Each structure stands twice: as structure tokens, then as C-alpha cells.
N, C-alpha and C. Protein backbone atom coordinates (compact mmCIF):
# COMPACT_ATOMS: atom_id res chain seq x y z
N MET A 1 0.83 -1.23 0.00
CA MET A 1 -0.05 0.05 -0.02
C MET A 1 0.89 1.25 -0.06
N SER A 2 0.72 2.13 -0.98
CA SER A 2 1.41 3.39 -1.13
C SER A 2 0.94 4.43 -0.01
N GLN A 3 2.02 5.09 0.43
CA GLN A 3 1.62 6.15 1.38
C GLN A 3 1.25 7.46 0.75
N PHE A 4 1.20 7.46 -0.59
CA PHE A 4 0.87 8.68 -1.30
C PHE A 4 -0.23 8.42 -2.31
N PRO A 5 -1.19 9.30 -2.50
CA PRO A 5 -1.19 10.58 -1.98
C PRO A 5 -1.54 10.54 -0.49
N ARG A 6 -1.15 11.60 0.24
CA ARG A 6 -1.45 11.72 1.72
C ARG A 6 -1.82 13.10 2.04
N ARG A 7 -2.85 13.15 2.89
CA ARG A 7 -3.30 14.45 3.31
C ARG A 7 -2.34 14.94 4.43
N HIS A 8 -2.07 16.26 4.43
CA HIS A 8 -1.16 16.90 5.36
C HIS A 8 -1.86 18.22 5.64
N GLY A 9 -2.76 18.34 6.67
CA GLY A 9 -3.60 19.50 6.89
C GLY A 9 -4.37 19.77 5.63
N PRO A 10 -4.33 21.00 5.11
CA PRO A 10 -5.12 21.38 3.86
C PRO A 10 -4.35 21.06 2.67
N TRP A 11 -3.11 20.40 2.71
CA TRP A 11 -2.31 20.13 1.67
C TRP A 11 -2.38 18.60 1.29
N THR A 12 -2.08 18.21 0.17
CA THR A 12 -1.96 16.74 -0.24
C THR A 12 -0.53 16.58 -0.74
N ILE A 13 0.11 15.57 -0.09
CA ILE A 13 1.48 15.25 -0.55
C ILE A 13 1.39 14.07 -1.50
N SER A 14 1.91 14.43 -2.76
CA SER A 14 1.88 13.36 -3.88
C SER A 14 3.08 12.54 -3.78
N SER A 15 4.15 13.05 -3.52
CA SER A 15 5.43 12.29 -3.30
C SER A 15 6.39 13.03 -2.47
N SER A 16 7.29 12.34 -1.94
CA SER A 16 8.29 12.95 -1.08
C SER A 16 9.66 12.27 -1.32
N ASP A 17 10.76 13.07 -1.37
CA ASP A 17 12.08 12.58 -1.57
C ASP A 17 13.10 13.43 -0.65
N VAL A 18 13.97 12.62 0.07
CA VAL A 18 15.08 13.21 0.76
C VAL A 18 16.13 13.67 -0.31
N VAL A 19 16.42 14.95 -0.34
CA VAL A 19 17.39 15.39 -1.29
C VAL A 19 18.81 15.76 -0.69
N TYR A 20 18.82 15.78 0.68
CA TYR A 20 20.06 15.93 1.36
C TYR A 20 19.93 15.43 2.73
N ALA A 21 20.94 14.80 3.25
CA ALA A 21 21.07 14.45 4.65
C ALA A 21 22.44 14.33 5.22
N ASP A 22 22.66 14.80 6.44
CA ASP A 22 23.86 14.56 7.08
C ASP A 22 23.60 14.30 8.58
N PRO A 23 24.55 14.20 9.48
CA PRO A 23 24.19 13.91 10.93
C PRO A 23 23.32 15.00 11.59
N TRP A 24 23.23 16.22 11.00
CA TRP A 24 22.51 17.30 11.69
C TRP A 24 21.13 17.65 10.98
N ILE A 25 21.12 17.60 9.68
CA ILE A 25 19.89 17.95 9.06
C ILE A 25 19.49 16.96 7.91
N ARG A 26 18.25 17.13 7.58
CA ARG A 26 17.62 16.29 6.48
C ARG A 26 16.80 17.24 5.62
N VAL A 27 16.92 17.30 4.40
CA VAL A 27 16.08 18.14 3.57
C VAL A 27 15.24 17.29 2.74
N ARG A 28 13.92 17.58 2.73
CA ARG A 28 12.86 16.75 1.97
C ARG A 28 12.17 17.64 1.01
N LEU A 29 12.04 17.19 -0.27
CA LEU A 29 11.29 17.91 -1.30
C LEU A 29 9.99 17.14 -1.52
N ASP A 30 8.85 17.76 -1.26
CA ASP A 30 7.51 17.21 -1.50
C ASP A 30 6.90 17.75 -2.67
N GLN A 31 6.33 16.96 -3.53
CA GLN A 31 5.39 17.37 -4.54
C GLN A 31 4.06 17.42 -3.89
N VAL A 32 3.40 18.45 -4.05
CA VAL A 32 2.15 18.67 -3.38
C VAL A 32 1.02 19.23 -4.28
N VAL A 33 -0.16 19.07 -3.71
CA VAL A 33 -1.33 19.85 -4.23
C VAL A 33 -1.60 20.90 -3.12
N ARG A 34 -1.45 22.11 -3.41
CA ARG A 34 -1.65 23.19 -2.47
C ARG A 34 -3.10 23.30 -1.99
N PRO A 35 -3.29 24.07 -0.88
CA PRO A 35 -4.73 24.24 -0.42
C PRO A 35 -5.63 24.86 -1.47
N ASP A 36 -5.14 25.70 -2.47
CA ASP A 36 -5.89 26.21 -3.52
C ASP A 36 -6.17 25.26 -4.66
N GLY A 37 -5.63 24.02 -4.53
CA GLY A 37 -5.92 22.99 -5.64
C GLY A 37 -4.89 22.94 -6.74
N ARG A 38 -3.87 23.84 -6.69
CA ARG A 38 -2.82 23.93 -7.69
C ARG A 38 -1.67 23.05 -7.29
N PRO A 39 -0.93 22.52 -8.29
CA PRO A 39 0.25 21.60 -7.91
C PRO A 39 1.31 22.59 -7.44
N GLY A 40 2.27 22.04 -6.76
CA GLY A 40 3.53 22.75 -6.28
C GLY A 40 4.36 21.82 -5.57
N THR A 41 5.39 22.56 -5.01
CA THR A 41 6.51 21.84 -4.23
C THR A 41 6.49 22.45 -2.83
N HIS A 42 7.08 21.79 -1.95
CA HIS A 42 7.27 22.25 -0.58
C HIS A 42 8.57 21.60 -0.10
N THR A 43 9.47 22.35 0.44
CA THR A 43 10.75 21.82 1.00
C THR A 43 10.68 21.92 2.47
N VAL A 44 11.07 20.89 3.18
CA VAL A 44 11.06 20.81 4.68
C VAL A 44 12.46 20.40 5.02
N THR A 45 13.03 21.20 5.97
CA THR A 45 14.33 20.84 6.55
C THR A 45 14.11 20.36 7.99
N ALA A 46 14.59 19.28 8.30
CA ALA A 46 14.55 18.78 9.76
C ALA A 46 15.88 18.80 10.36
N ILE A 47 15.84 19.43 11.53
CA ILE A 47 17.13 19.51 12.29
C ILE A 47 16.92 18.64 13.58
N LYS A 48 18.01 18.07 14.00
CA LYS A 48 17.69 17.22 15.21
C LYS A 48 17.22 18.06 16.31
N PRO A 49 16.45 17.52 17.20
CA PRO A 49 15.90 18.25 18.36
C PRO A 49 17.10 18.72 19.20
N GLY A 50 16.77 19.92 19.86
CA GLY A 50 17.79 20.60 20.62
C GLY A 50 17.36 21.17 21.95
N VAL A 51 18.26 21.91 22.54
CA VAL A 51 17.90 22.52 23.88
C VAL A 51 18.46 23.96 23.90
N CYS A 52 17.91 24.77 24.78
CA CYS A 52 18.48 26.12 25.08
C CYS A 52 18.29 26.33 26.54
N VAL A 53 19.37 26.60 27.25
CA VAL A 53 19.33 26.81 28.61
C VAL A 53 19.71 28.22 29.10
N ILE A 54 18.91 28.80 29.94
CA ILE A 54 19.29 30.04 30.59
C ILE A 54 19.66 29.67 32.06
N ALA A 55 20.94 30.01 32.29
CA ALA A 55 21.50 29.58 33.56
C ALA A 55 21.56 30.91 34.39
N GLU A 56 21.01 30.89 35.67
CA GLU A 56 20.91 32.11 36.50
C GLU A 56 21.53 31.72 37.86
N ASP A 57 22.42 32.58 38.25
CA ASP A 57 23.13 32.32 39.53
C ASP A 57 22.35 32.98 40.67
N ASP A 58 22.79 32.79 41.92
CA ASP A 58 22.12 33.14 43.07
C ASP A 58 21.93 34.62 43.20
N ASP A 59 22.78 35.44 42.48
CA ASP A 59 22.80 36.87 42.53
C ASP A 59 21.84 37.53 41.44
N GLY A 60 21.15 36.69 40.70
CA GLY A 60 20.22 37.15 39.67
C GLY A 60 20.87 37.61 38.35
N TYR A 61 22.08 36.93 38.14
CA TYR A 61 22.84 37.08 36.82
C TYR A 61 22.62 35.95 35.95
N VAL A 62 22.46 36.08 34.72
CA VAL A 62 22.46 35.00 33.75
C VAL A 62 23.78 34.84 33.04
N PHE A 63 24.06 33.63 32.67
CA PHE A 63 25.30 33.27 31.86
C PHE A 63 24.82 32.98 30.43
N LEU A 64 25.27 33.72 29.47
CA LEU A 64 24.93 33.57 28.10
C LEU A 64 26.23 33.32 27.29
N THR A 65 26.10 32.83 26.08
CA THR A 65 27.21 32.56 25.24
C THR A 65 27.38 33.65 24.24
N SER A 66 28.63 34.08 23.92
CA SER A 66 28.83 34.91 22.85
C SER A 66 29.80 34.15 21.90
N GLU A 67 29.30 34.02 20.59
CA GLU A 67 30.01 33.21 19.65
C GLU A 67 29.69 33.64 18.23
N PHE A 68 30.72 33.53 17.36
CA PHE A 68 30.39 33.69 15.96
C PHE A 68 29.61 32.47 15.48
N HIS A 69 28.54 32.84 14.76
CA HIS A 69 27.74 31.78 14.12
C HIS A 69 27.69 31.87 12.56
N TYR A 70 28.12 30.78 12.00
CA TYR A 70 28.43 30.69 10.65
C TYR A 70 27.21 31.17 9.76
N ALA A 71 26.05 30.64 9.99
CA ALA A 71 24.95 30.84 9.14
C ALA A 71 24.58 32.38 9.06
N VAL A 72 24.60 33.11 10.15
CA VAL A 72 24.19 34.50 10.18
C VAL A 72 25.47 35.47 10.05
N GLY A 73 26.65 34.89 10.04
CA GLY A 73 27.86 35.59 9.77
C GLY A 73 28.18 36.60 10.80
N ARG A 74 27.81 36.47 11.98
CA ARG A 74 28.19 37.45 13.12
C ARG A 74 28.19 36.76 14.38
N VAL A 75 28.73 37.50 15.44
CA VAL A 75 28.68 37.11 16.78
C VAL A 75 27.31 37.28 17.42
N THR A 76 26.68 36.29 18.07
CA THR A 76 25.44 36.36 18.64
C THR A 76 25.49 36.09 20.18
N LEU A 77 24.55 36.59 20.92
CA LEU A 77 24.46 36.38 22.34
C LEU A 77 23.28 35.55 22.57
N GLU A 78 23.50 34.46 23.12
CA GLU A 78 22.35 33.56 23.40
C GLU A 78 22.56 32.55 24.52
N GLY A 79 21.54 31.92 24.87
CA GLY A 79 21.65 30.87 25.96
C GLY A 79 22.40 29.71 25.47
N VAL A 80 22.84 28.90 26.39
CA VAL A 80 23.60 27.70 25.98
C VAL A 80 22.68 26.86 25.08
N SER A 81 23.05 26.49 24.05
CA SER A 81 22.22 25.74 23.00
C SER A 81 22.97 24.59 22.33
N GLY A 82 22.22 23.68 21.96
CA GLY A 82 22.81 22.46 21.25
C GLY A 82 21.93 21.48 20.92
N GLY A 83 22.30 20.44 20.22
CA GLY A 83 21.42 19.37 19.81
C GLY A 83 21.51 18.15 20.76
N CYS A 84 20.42 17.43 20.71
CA CYS A 84 20.41 16.17 21.52
C CYS A 84 21.20 15.04 20.70
N ASP A 85 22.09 14.49 21.31
CA ASP A 85 22.93 13.43 20.65
C ASP A 85 22.13 12.06 20.66
N GLY A 86 21.99 11.52 19.46
CA GLY A 86 21.41 10.19 19.48
C GLY A 86 20.04 10.08 20.11
N ASP A 87 19.86 9.24 20.99
CA ASP A 87 18.60 9.05 21.76
C ASP A 87 18.64 9.69 23.10
N GLU A 88 19.63 10.77 23.39
CA GLU A 88 19.79 11.46 24.54
C GLU A 88 18.57 12.25 24.81
N SER A 89 18.15 12.21 26.09
CA SER A 89 16.93 12.94 26.52
C SER A 89 17.31 14.59 26.41
N PRO A 90 16.29 15.34 26.29
CA PRO A 90 16.57 16.75 26.30
C PRO A 90 17.19 17.28 27.63
N GLU A 91 16.81 16.69 28.79
CA GLU A 91 17.48 17.14 30.08
C GLU A 91 18.89 16.76 30.07
N VAL A 92 19.25 15.49 29.66
CA VAL A 92 20.67 15.15 29.63
C VAL A 92 21.41 16.01 28.68
N ALA A 93 20.72 16.36 27.51
CA ALA A 93 21.49 17.20 26.54
C ALA A 93 21.63 18.65 27.14
N ALA A 94 20.69 19.12 27.87
CA ALA A 94 20.84 20.42 28.46
C ALA A 94 22.04 20.55 29.48
N ARG A 95 22.01 19.47 30.29
CA ARG A 95 23.10 19.42 31.33
C ARG A 95 24.52 19.26 30.65
N ARG A 96 24.57 18.41 29.64
CA ARG A 96 25.83 18.24 28.88
C ARG A 96 26.30 19.54 28.28
N GLU A 97 25.38 20.17 27.52
CA GLU A 97 25.77 21.41 26.82
C GLU A 97 26.13 22.51 27.82
N LEU A 98 25.38 22.69 28.95
CA LEU A 98 25.82 23.65 29.91
C LEU A 98 27.26 23.35 30.45
N ALA A 99 27.57 22.17 30.64
CA ALA A 99 28.84 21.70 31.16
C ALA A 99 29.91 22.03 30.10
N GLU A 100 29.57 21.61 28.84
CA GLU A 100 30.66 21.69 27.79
C GLU A 100 30.83 23.15 27.33
N GLU A 101 29.73 23.95 27.26
CA GLU A 101 29.94 25.27 26.65
C GLU A 101 30.43 26.37 27.70
N LEU A 102 29.95 26.19 28.93
CA LEU A 102 30.37 27.25 29.96
C LEU A 102 30.96 26.64 31.18
N GLY A 103 31.06 25.31 31.34
CA GLY A 103 31.63 24.76 32.44
C GLY A 103 30.78 24.76 33.67
N LEU A 104 29.35 24.94 33.49
CA LEU A 104 28.44 25.01 34.58
C LEU A 104 27.73 23.80 34.87
N ILE A 105 27.61 23.35 36.21
CA ILE A 105 26.85 22.26 36.66
C ILE A 105 25.67 22.87 37.31
N ALA A 106 24.48 22.46 37.06
CA ALA A 106 23.30 22.96 37.77
C ALA A 106 22.62 21.92 38.73
N ASP A 107 22.36 22.41 39.92
CA ASP A 107 21.63 21.58 40.87
C ASP A 107 20.14 21.35 40.35
N GLU A 108 19.59 22.43 39.77
CA GLU A 108 18.24 22.41 39.42
C GLU A 108 18.09 22.88 37.97
N LEU A 109 17.26 21.93 37.22
CA LEU A 109 17.04 22.26 35.87
C LEU A 109 15.42 22.30 35.71
N ILE A 110 15.01 23.56 35.40
CA ILE A 110 13.59 23.78 35.28
C ILE A 110 13.07 23.82 33.85
N PRO A 111 12.10 22.83 33.49
CA PRO A 111 11.69 22.77 32.08
C PRO A 111 10.79 24.03 31.94
N LEU A 112 11.03 24.68 30.77
CA LEU A 112 10.29 25.84 30.38
C LEU A 112 9.48 25.68 29.04
N GLY A 113 9.38 24.46 28.67
CA GLY A 113 8.46 24.08 27.47
C GLY A 113 9.31 23.90 26.25
N LEU A 114 8.62 23.98 25.04
CA LEU A 114 9.17 23.69 23.84
C LEU A 114 9.03 24.96 22.89
N CYS A 115 9.97 25.13 21.94
CA CYS A 115 9.90 26.18 21.02
C CYS A 115 10.14 25.59 19.65
N ASP A 116 9.39 26.05 18.73
CA ASP A 116 9.58 25.75 17.31
C ASP A 116 10.06 27.06 16.61
N PRO A 117 11.42 27.14 16.45
CA PRO A 117 11.99 28.46 16.03
C PRO A 117 11.47 28.96 14.63
N PHE A 118 11.16 28.04 13.72
CA PHE A 118 10.72 28.50 12.42
C PHE A 118 9.81 27.37 11.85
N THR A 119 8.47 27.72 11.81
CA THR A 119 7.48 26.62 11.64
C THR A 119 7.14 26.44 10.09
N ALA A 120 7.48 27.36 9.19
CA ALA A 120 6.97 27.21 7.85
C ALA A 120 7.69 26.06 7.06
N MET A 121 9.05 26.05 7.25
CA MET A 121 9.79 25.06 6.52
C MET A 121 10.90 24.32 7.26
N VAL A 122 10.91 24.51 8.52
CA VAL A 122 11.92 23.88 9.38
C VAL A 122 11.32 23.15 10.52
N ILE A 123 11.68 21.96 10.73
CA ILE A 123 11.37 21.12 11.90
C ILE A 123 12.56 21.21 12.86
N SER A 124 12.40 21.92 13.90
CA SER A 124 13.64 22.03 14.83
C SER A 124 13.12 22.20 16.27
N PRO A 125 12.54 21.19 16.87
CA PRO A 125 11.97 21.38 18.21
C PRO A 125 13.05 21.66 19.25
N THR A 126 12.92 22.75 19.95
CA THR A 126 14.00 23.08 21.00
C THR A 126 13.35 23.07 22.38
N HIS A 127 13.88 22.33 23.25
CA HIS A 127 13.44 22.26 24.60
C HIS A 127 14.20 23.17 25.41
N LEU A 128 13.31 24.08 26.14
CA LEU A 128 13.85 25.24 26.87
C LEU A 128 13.95 24.87 28.38
N TYR A 129 15.01 25.43 29.05
CA TYR A 129 15.30 25.18 30.44
C TYR A 129 15.85 26.37 31.06
N ALA A 130 15.62 26.50 32.38
CA ALA A 130 16.29 27.41 33.20
C ALA A 130 17.04 26.56 34.16
N ALA A 131 18.34 27.00 34.52
CA ALA A 131 19.19 26.28 35.42
C ALA A 131 19.52 27.08 36.56
N ARG A 132 19.47 26.52 37.75
CA ARG A 132 19.84 27.33 38.97
C ARG A 132 20.66 26.31 39.90
N GLY A 133 21.24 26.93 40.99
CA GLY A 133 22.17 26.23 41.87
C GLY A 133 23.46 25.83 41.05
N LEU A 134 24.04 26.90 40.51
CA LEU A 134 25.19 26.58 39.63
C LEU A 134 26.50 26.45 40.29
N THR A 135 27.37 25.55 39.72
CA THR A 135 28.68 25.35 40.26
C THR A 135 29.56 25.38 38.99
N ARG A 136 30.74 26.11 39.19
CA ARG A 136 31.63 26.33 38.00
C ARG A 136 32.62 25.25 37.95
N GLY A 137 32.90 24.75 36.67
CA GLY A 137 33.87 23.86 36.37
C GLY A 137 34.61 24.25 35.11
N ALA A 138 35.32 23.36 34.52
CA ALA A 138 35.99 23.73 33.24
C ALA A 138 35.12 23.43 31.99
N ALA A 139 35.00 24.37 31.10
CA ALA A 139 34.30 24.19 29.92
C ALA A 139 35.11 23.31 28.95
N SER A 140 34.46 22.58 28.09
CA SER A 140 35.10 21.76 27.11
C SER A 140 34.34 21.84 25.73
N PRO A 141 34.36 23.03 25.15
CA PRO A 141 33.61 23.24 23.86
C PRO A 141 34.19 22.42 22.73
N GLU A 142 33.37 22.07 21.79
CA GLU A 142 33.78 21.31 20.63
C GLU A 142 34.70 22.16 19.82
N GLY A 143 35.45 21.43 18.91
CA GLY A 143 36.44 22.05 18.07
C GLY A 143 35.89 23.13 17.17
N THR A 144 34.68 23.17 16.90
CA THR A 144 34.02 24.27 16.01
C THR A 144 33.66 25.49 16.80
N GLU A 145 33.72 25.29 18.17
CA GLU A 145 33.11 26.42 19.08
C GLU A 145 34.25 27.21 19.62
N ARG A 146 34.00 28.55 19.55
CA ARG A 146 34.90 29.60 20.24
C ARG A 146 34.04 30.47 21.04
N ILE A 147 33.68 29.89 22.24
CA ILE A 147 32.60 30.58 23.13
C ILE A 147 33.14 31.43 24.22
N GLU A 148 32.68 32.59 24.28
CA GLU A 148 32.87 33.48 25.41
C GLU A 148 31.71 33.45 26.40
N SER A 149 31.94 33.36 27.65
CA SER A 149 30.86 33.37 28.67
C SER A 149 30.56 34.88 28.97
N VAL A 150 29.34 35.21 29.02
CA VAL A 150 28.91 36.57 29.26
C VAL A 150 27.88 36.50 30.44
N ARG A 151 28.27 37.16 31.55
CA ARG A 151 27.40 37.13 32.76
C ARG A 151 26.81 38.53 32.91
N LEU A 152 25.52 38.65 32.89
CA LEU A 152 24.87 39.92 33.09
C LEU A 152 23.66 39.86 33.84
N PRO A 153 23.15 40.87 34.49
CA PRO A 153 21.96 40.89 35.29
C PRO A 153 20.80 40.46 34.38
N PHE A 154 19.82 39.64 34.99
CA PHE A 154 18.76 39.15 34.30
C PHE A 154 17.92 40.22 33.58
N GLU A 155 17.72 41.35 34.23
CA GLU A 155 16.91 42.34 33.61
C GLU A 155 17.61 42.97 32.42
N GLN A 156 18.98 43.10 32.39
CA GLN A 156 19.69 43.47 31.28
C GLN A 156 19.54 42.53 30.11
N ALA A 157 19.59 41.24 30.45
CA ALA A 157 19.33 40.21 29.32
C ALA A 157 18.02 40.47 28.63
N LEU A 158 16.87 40.67 29.53
CA LEU A 158 15.57 41.01 28.99
C LEU A 158 15.66 42.21 28.06
N ASP A 159 16.21 43.21 28.55
CA ASP A 159 16.41 44.46 27.82
C ASP A 159 17.04 44.22 26.46
N LYS A 160 18.06 43.32 26.42
CA LYS A 160 18.72 43.00 25.14
C LYS A 160 17.67 42.28 24.13
N VAL A 161 16.86 41.47 24.69
CA VAL A 161 15.85 40.83 23.91
C VAL A 161 14.93 41.86 23.26
N LEU A 162 14.47 42.80 24.08
CA LEU A 162 13.61 43.79 23.55
C LEU A 162 14.26 44.72 22.60
N ALA A 163 15.53 44.97 22.65
CA ALA A 163 16.32 45.90 21.75
C ALA A 163 16.83 45.11 20.58
N SER A 164 16.51 43.91 20.48
CA SER A 164 16.99 42.99 19.29
C SER A 164 18.52 42.84 19.30
N GLU A 165 19.10 42.93 20.53
CA GLU A 165 20.48 42.59 20.70
C GLU A 165 20.74 41.05 20.85
N ILE A 166 19.65 40.48 21.30
CA ILE A 166 19.52 38.96 21.43
C ILE A 166 18.50 38.65 20.52
N THR A 167 18.83 37.84 19.36
CA THR A 167 17.86 37.54 18.33
C THR A 167 17.73 36.06 18.17
N HIS A 168 18.39 35.23 18.91
CA HIS A 168 18.29 33.74 18.85
C HIS A 168 16.88 33.41 19.39
N GLY A 169 15.95 32.93 18.54
CA GLY A 169 14.57 32.69 18.96
C GLY A 169 14.41 31.97 20.24
N PRO A 170 15.03 30.70 20.43
CA PRO A 170 14.82 29.95 21.54
C PRO A 170 15.34 30.71 22.89
N THR A 171 16.41 31.47 22.79
CA THR A 171 16.89 32.32 23.88
C THR A 171 15.85 33.34 24.25
N CYS A 172 15.30 33.97 23.27
CA CYS A 172 14.26 35.07 23.53
C CYS A 172 13.06 34.47 24.27
N VAL A 173 12.61 33.28 23.68
CA VAL A 173 11.42 32.65 24.39
C VAL A 173 11.75 32.18 25.77
N ALA A 174 12.91 31.59 25.99
CA ALA A 174 13.36 31.05 27.23
C ALA A 174 13.44 32.19 28.26
N LEU A 175 14.04 33.24 27.85
CA LEU A 175 14.15 34.41 28.79
C LEU A 175 12.87 35.01 29.18
N LEU A 176 11.88 35.19 28.20
CA LEU A 176 10.70 35.71 28.52
C LEU A 176 9.81 34.77 29.38
N LYS A 177 9.89 33.48 29.09
CA LYS A 177 9.20 32.55 29.94
C LYS A 177 9.76 32.48 31.33
N TRP A 178 11.13 32.54 31.45
CA TRP A 178 11.77 32.49 32.73
C TRP A 178 11.48 33.71 33.60
N ALA A 179 11.25 34.92 32.91
CA ALA A 179 10.86 36.14 33.50
C ALA A 179 9.56 36.04 34.23
N HIS A 180 8.62 35.32 33.47
CA HIS A 180 7.32 35.19 34.03
C HIS A 180 7.28 34.13 35.25
N LEU A 181 8.02 33.13 35.06
CA LEU A 181 8.01 32.08 36.03
C LEU A 181 8.86 32.29 37.33
N ARG A 182 9.84 33.03 37.21
CA ARG A 182 10.92 33.20 38.29
C ARG A 182 10.28 34.25 39.42
N SER A 183 9.44 34.97 39.03
CA SER A 183 8.85 36.07 40.00
C SER A 183 7.98 35.53 41.07
């Protein structure tokens, strides 16, 4: 039994082909019948699930990362972020990324929900966390990472979101959710 044609909301998928895949992403090209009845194509990029962590110390300061990101071609300020390795749970990935990128160990990891950074053509579920009860250790970033730790008052981080100085979607959502929950 063929899986095509297949309804997908108001769309009908006639066929689907993976046109590129590597360990991090998979790009799929679908031949479709659009909601208006006309034929077309739709491309979907799937990125492995990830995490974003906002680490706050006992003095109300958050630790963010400052790093050059290849795709946007500039240094960005954001929460600790990364992908879940294999069948690693989001909580395990969050703790691992926090330790790798900033050398921080958290006594408490508070789930803040899920964020879909770009829903039109990208599948990239990002699990959000706040971390408290921090202990400093040695960072061990990957070979592609040149991360600078930035510590600033929580309110200043929120101001940077509103001023578009922090533009990483999951970081913005995590900071805003944490602002609501921490009070």
C-alpha cells in the first residue's frame, strides 16, 4: 500500500524525496497539491531536536554565550544551546551542553517548554530550560566552538531581547518564559 497521496492538513503530498541528509539535518522535497488545488512543491528541513538553557546564579545574573555563528555571519549572544545526541533526552542534553559550553553544573534544571524556532519550512523542536544552583567547572567546547561566557543581570538580558541585541529565537522565548515564572 502506497503512502501517497497523503493528506497533510489542507495540503496533499503526492510524493516525497530526501534530497540531502547529514548527521544534523535532512532536507525533503515534497510534490504537493496546495490548499488552492494547484500543484506545487514544498521543502522541509528537519534539524535534530535541541535545547536552550538560561543559567541564572544566586545573585540574579544569567550566563549567556557569545560566539560567531556561521549561518548569520556574526557574533550572537544567546543561551547555552545545542542538539540532542542520538537518543539522549533533552534534560541530559541540556546538562551536557551547559557543562561543555560554559563549564556550569546545575543543581536544578527547570523545564520551560518547547519552542519551534521557524515553523513554515523547518522542523527544529527546541526544549527550553532554566538552570539554578550553579557550580563552576571547566568548559570543554567542541572544536568548532569559540565561546565566550557573558554574565549579566537578568533584567539587562531581557532589555537586550527587547532591543533586538539577542535575536536567537529559543533564547528570547526562554528568557521571557523564565521572567514570568521566576517572579
